[in-house]
Amino acid sequence: MHGKINFIDMIDLIGKNVEIYTVDIIYTGKLVEIGEEEVYIESTNGGIVIPTEKIAGIREKKD
C-alpha cells in the first residue's frame, strides 16, 4: 500500500489504536484523520502528521 492509502478500508480504523508503518519507523497512536496527503494520529507524545507517500501500511494495533 506504499504511497497510496485505501481510504475505504482505513475509515473503519478512525478512533482506534493503530500502527503506521513507514520505511524508517513504526508509529503508534489513535488514528484521528486520513487525508489525501497526510494521516493524523494522536500518540502519547502528542499529535503526529505523517505524509501518505511515506506510509507503507496501517493496521489496528492489537494489545
N, C-alpha and C. Protein backbone atom coordinates (compact mmCIF):
# COMPACT_ATOMS: atom_id res chain seq x y z
N MET A 1 0.83 -1.18 0.00
CA MET A 1 0.00 0.00 0.00
C MET A 1 0.87 1.24 0.00
N HIS A 2 2.10 1.12 -0.32
CA HIS A 2 3.08 2.20 -0.25
C HIS A 2 2.64 3.41 -1.08
N GLY A 3 2.56 4.58 -0.41
CA GLY A 3 2.27 5.82 -1.09
C GLY A 3 0.82 6.05 -1.44
N LYS A 4 -0.05 5.08 -1.24
CA LYS A 4 -1.46 5.25 -1.54
C LYS A 4 -2.27 4.47 -0.52
N ILE A 5 -3.10 5.17 0.20
CA ILE A 5 -3.90 4.55 1.25
C ILE A 5 -5.25 4.16 0.68
N ASN A 6 -5.71 2.97 1.03
CA ASN A 6 -7.05 2.53 0.66
C ASN A 6 -8.02 3.14 1.67
N PHE A 7 -8.65 4.26 1.30
CA PHE A 7 -9.48 5.02 2.22
C PHE A 7 -10.66 4.21 2.76
N ILE A 8 -11.27 3.40 1.94
CA ILE A 8 -12.44 2.63 2.37
C ILE A 8 -12.07 1.70 3.52
N ASP A 9 -10.96 1.00 3.41
CA ASP A 9 -10.53 0.09 4.47
C ASP A 9 -10.08 0.84 5.72
N MET A 10 -9.48 2.00 5.56
CA MET A 10 -8.91 2.72 6.69
C MET A 10 -9.94 3.53 7.47
N ILE A 11 -11.06 3.90 6.87
CA ILE A 11 -12.09 4.68 7.56
C ILE A 11 -12.54 3.98 8.84
N ASP A 12 -12.64 2.67 8.80
CA ASP A 12 -13.07 1.90 9.97
C ASP A 12 -12.07 1.97 11.12
N LEU A 13 -10.85 2.39 10.85
CA LEU A 13 -9.82 2.47 11.89
C LEU A 13 -9.80 3.81 12.61
N ILE A 14 -10.52 4.80 12.11
CA ILE A 14 -10.54 6.12 12.75
C ILE A 14 -11.07 5.96 14.17
N GLY A 15 -10.34 6.54 15.13
CA GLY A 15 -10.70 6.45 16.53
C GLY A 15 -10.11 5.24 17.25
N LYS A 16 -9.45 4.36 16.50
CA LYS A 16 -8.85 3.16 17.08
C LYS A 16 -7.34 3.32 17.19
N ASN A 17 -6.72 2.52 18.04
CA ASN A 17 -5.26 2.50 18.14
C ASN A 17 -4.71 1.74 16.94
N VAL A 18 -3.74 2.35 16.27
CA VAL A 18 -3.19 1.77 15.05
C VAL A 18 -1.67 1.76 15.09
N GLU A 19 -1.09 0.99 14.20
CA GLU A 19 0.34 1.02 13.90
C GLU A 19 0.45 1.49 12.46
N ILE A 20 1.28 2.49 12.23
CA ILE A 20 1.52 3.01 10.89
C ILE A 20 2.97 2.73 10.55
N TYR A 21 3.16 2.00 9.47
CA TYR A 21 4.50 1.58 9.05
C TYR A 21 5.02 2.49 7.95
N THR A 22 6.24 2.99 8.15
CA THR A 22 6.96 3.71 7.11
C THR A 22 8.28 2.96 6.90
N VAL A 23 9.08 3.43 5.98
CA VAL A 23 10.38 2.80 5.74
C VAL A 23 11.27 2.93 6.97
N ASP A 24 11.15 4.04 7.68
CA ASP A 24 12.06 4.35 8.78
C ASP A 24 11.59 3.93 10.17
N ILE A 25 10.28 3.96 10.40
CA ILE A 25 9.78 3.83 11.78
C ILE A 25 8.36 3.28 11.78
N ILE A 26 7.95 2.76 12.93
CA ILE A 26 6.56 2.37 13.15
C ILE A 26 5.98 3.35 14.15
N TYR A 27 4.93 4.05 13.75
CA TYR A 27 4.23 4.98 14.63
C TYR A 27 3.05 4.26 15.25
N THR A 28 2.77 4.56 16.51
CA THR A 28 1.57 4.01 17.15
C THR A 28 0.79 5.15 17.79
N GLY A 29 -0.52 5.03 17.74
CA GLY A 29 -1.38 6.04 18.34
C GLY A 29 -2.80 5.87 17.85
N LYS A 30 -3.67 6.75 18.31
CA LYS A 30 -5.07 6.73 17.90
C LYS A 30 -5.21 7.46 16.58
N LEU A 31 -5.79 6.79 15.59
CA LEU A 31 -5.98 7.39 14.27
C LEU A 31 -7.06 8.45 14.37
N VAL A 32 -6.70 9.69 14.02
CA VAL A 32 -7.62 10.81 14.13
C VAL A 32 -8.24 11.14 12.78
N GLU A 33 -7.42 11.19 11.74
CA GLU A 33 -7.92 11.61 10.43
C GLU A 33 -7.04 11.07 9.32
N ILE A 34 -7.67 10.76 8.20
CA ILE A 34 -6.95 10.33 7.00
C ILE A 34 -7.25 11.34 5.91
N GLY A 35 -6.20 12.02 5.43
CA GLY A 35 -6.35 12.95 4.32
C GLY A 35 -5.70 12.39 3.07
N GLU A 36 -5.86 13.09 1.97
CA GLU A 36 -5.26 12.63 0.72
C GLU A 36 -3.74 12.69 0.76
N GLU A 37 -3.20 13.65 1.52
CA GLU A 37 -1.75 13.83 1.56
C GLU A 37 -1.12 13.52 2.91
N GLU A 38 -1.94 13.45 3.97
CA GLU A 38 -1.39 13.24 5.31
C GLU A 38 -2.34 12.39 6.15
N VAL A 39 -1.75 11.70 7.13
CA VAL A 39 -2.51 10.95 8.12
C VAL A 39 -2.18 11.55 9.48
N TYR A 40 -3.20 11.70 10.32
CA TYR A 40 -3.03 12.32 11.63
C TYR A 40 -3.31 11.29 12.71
N ILE A 41 -2.36 11.14 13.65
CA ILE A 41 -2.58 10.27 14.81
C ILE A 41 -2.27 11.04 16.08
N GLU A 42 -2.86 10.60 17.17
CA GLU A 42 -2.59 11.15 18.49
C GLU A 42 -1.83 10.09 19.27
N SER A 43 -0.58 10.41 19.61
CA SER A 43 0.26 9.46 20.35
C SER A 43 0.46 9.97 21.77
N THR A 44 1.17 9.20 22.56
CA THR A 44 1.46 9.64 23.93
C THR A 44 2.33 10.89 23.95
N ASN A 45 3.02 11.17 22.84
CA ASN A 45 3.88 12.36 22.73
C ASN A 45 3.18 13.53 22.07
N GLY A 46 1.89 13.40 21.76
CA GLY A 46 1.15 14.46 21.11
C GLY A 46 0.73 14.06 19.70
N GLY A 47 0.29 15.05 18.94
CA GLY A 47 -0.17 14.79 17.58
C GLY A 47 0.99 14.57 16.62
N ILE A 48 0.77 13.65 15.68
CA ILE A 48 1.78 13.35 14.66
C ILE A 48 1.11 13.40 13.30
N VAL A 49 1.76 14.06 12.36
CA VAL A 49 1.29 14.14 10.98
C VAL A 49 2.28 13.35 10.12
N ILE A 50 1.77 12.38 9.36
CA ILE A 50 2.62 11.53 8.54
C ILE A 50 2.19 11.68 7.08
N PRO A 51 3.09 12.10 6.19
CA PRO A 51 2.75 12.19 4.77
C PRO A 51 2.38 10.82 4.20
N THR A 52 1.32 10.75 3.42
CA THR A 52 0.86 9.46 2.90
C THR A 52 1.90 8.80 2.00
N GLU A 53 2.73 9.58 1.31
CA GLU A 53 3.72 8.96 0.42
C GLU A 53 4.79 8.18 1.18
N LYS A 54 4.90 8.42 2.48
CA LYS A 54 5.88 7.70 3.30
C LYS A 54 5.30 6.43 3.94
N ILE A 55 3.98 6.27 3.86
CA ILE A 55 3.32 5.16 4.55
C ILE A 55 3.35 3.89 3.73
N ALA A 56 3.84 2.82 4.36
CA ALA A 56 3.85 1.50 3.72
C ALA A 56 2.63 0.69 4.13
N GLY A 57 2.07 0.97 5.30
CA GLY A 57 0.90 0.23 5.75
C GLY A 57 0.33 0.76 7.05
N ILE A 58 -0.95 0.48 7.27
CA ILE A 58 -1.63 0.84 8.50
C ILE A 58 -2.44 -0.37 8.93
N ARG A 59 -2.38 -0.67 10.24
CA ARG A 59 -3.23 -1.74 10.75
C ARG A 59 -3.63 -1.43 12.19
N GLU A 60 -4.71 -2.06 12.63
CA GLU A 60 -5.14 -1.87 14.00
C GLU A 60 -4.12 -2.50 14.94
N LYS A 61 -3.80 -1.79 16.01
CA LYS A 61 -2.84 -2.29 16.99
C LYS A 61 -3.54 -3.27 17.91
N LYS A 62 -2.99 -4.44 18.00
CA LYS A 62 -3.52 -5.47 18.90
C LYS A 62 -2.76 -5.41 20.21
N ASP A 63 -3.49 -5.30 21.30
CA ASP A 63 -2.84 -5.21 22.61
C ASP A 63 -2.45 -6.55 23.15
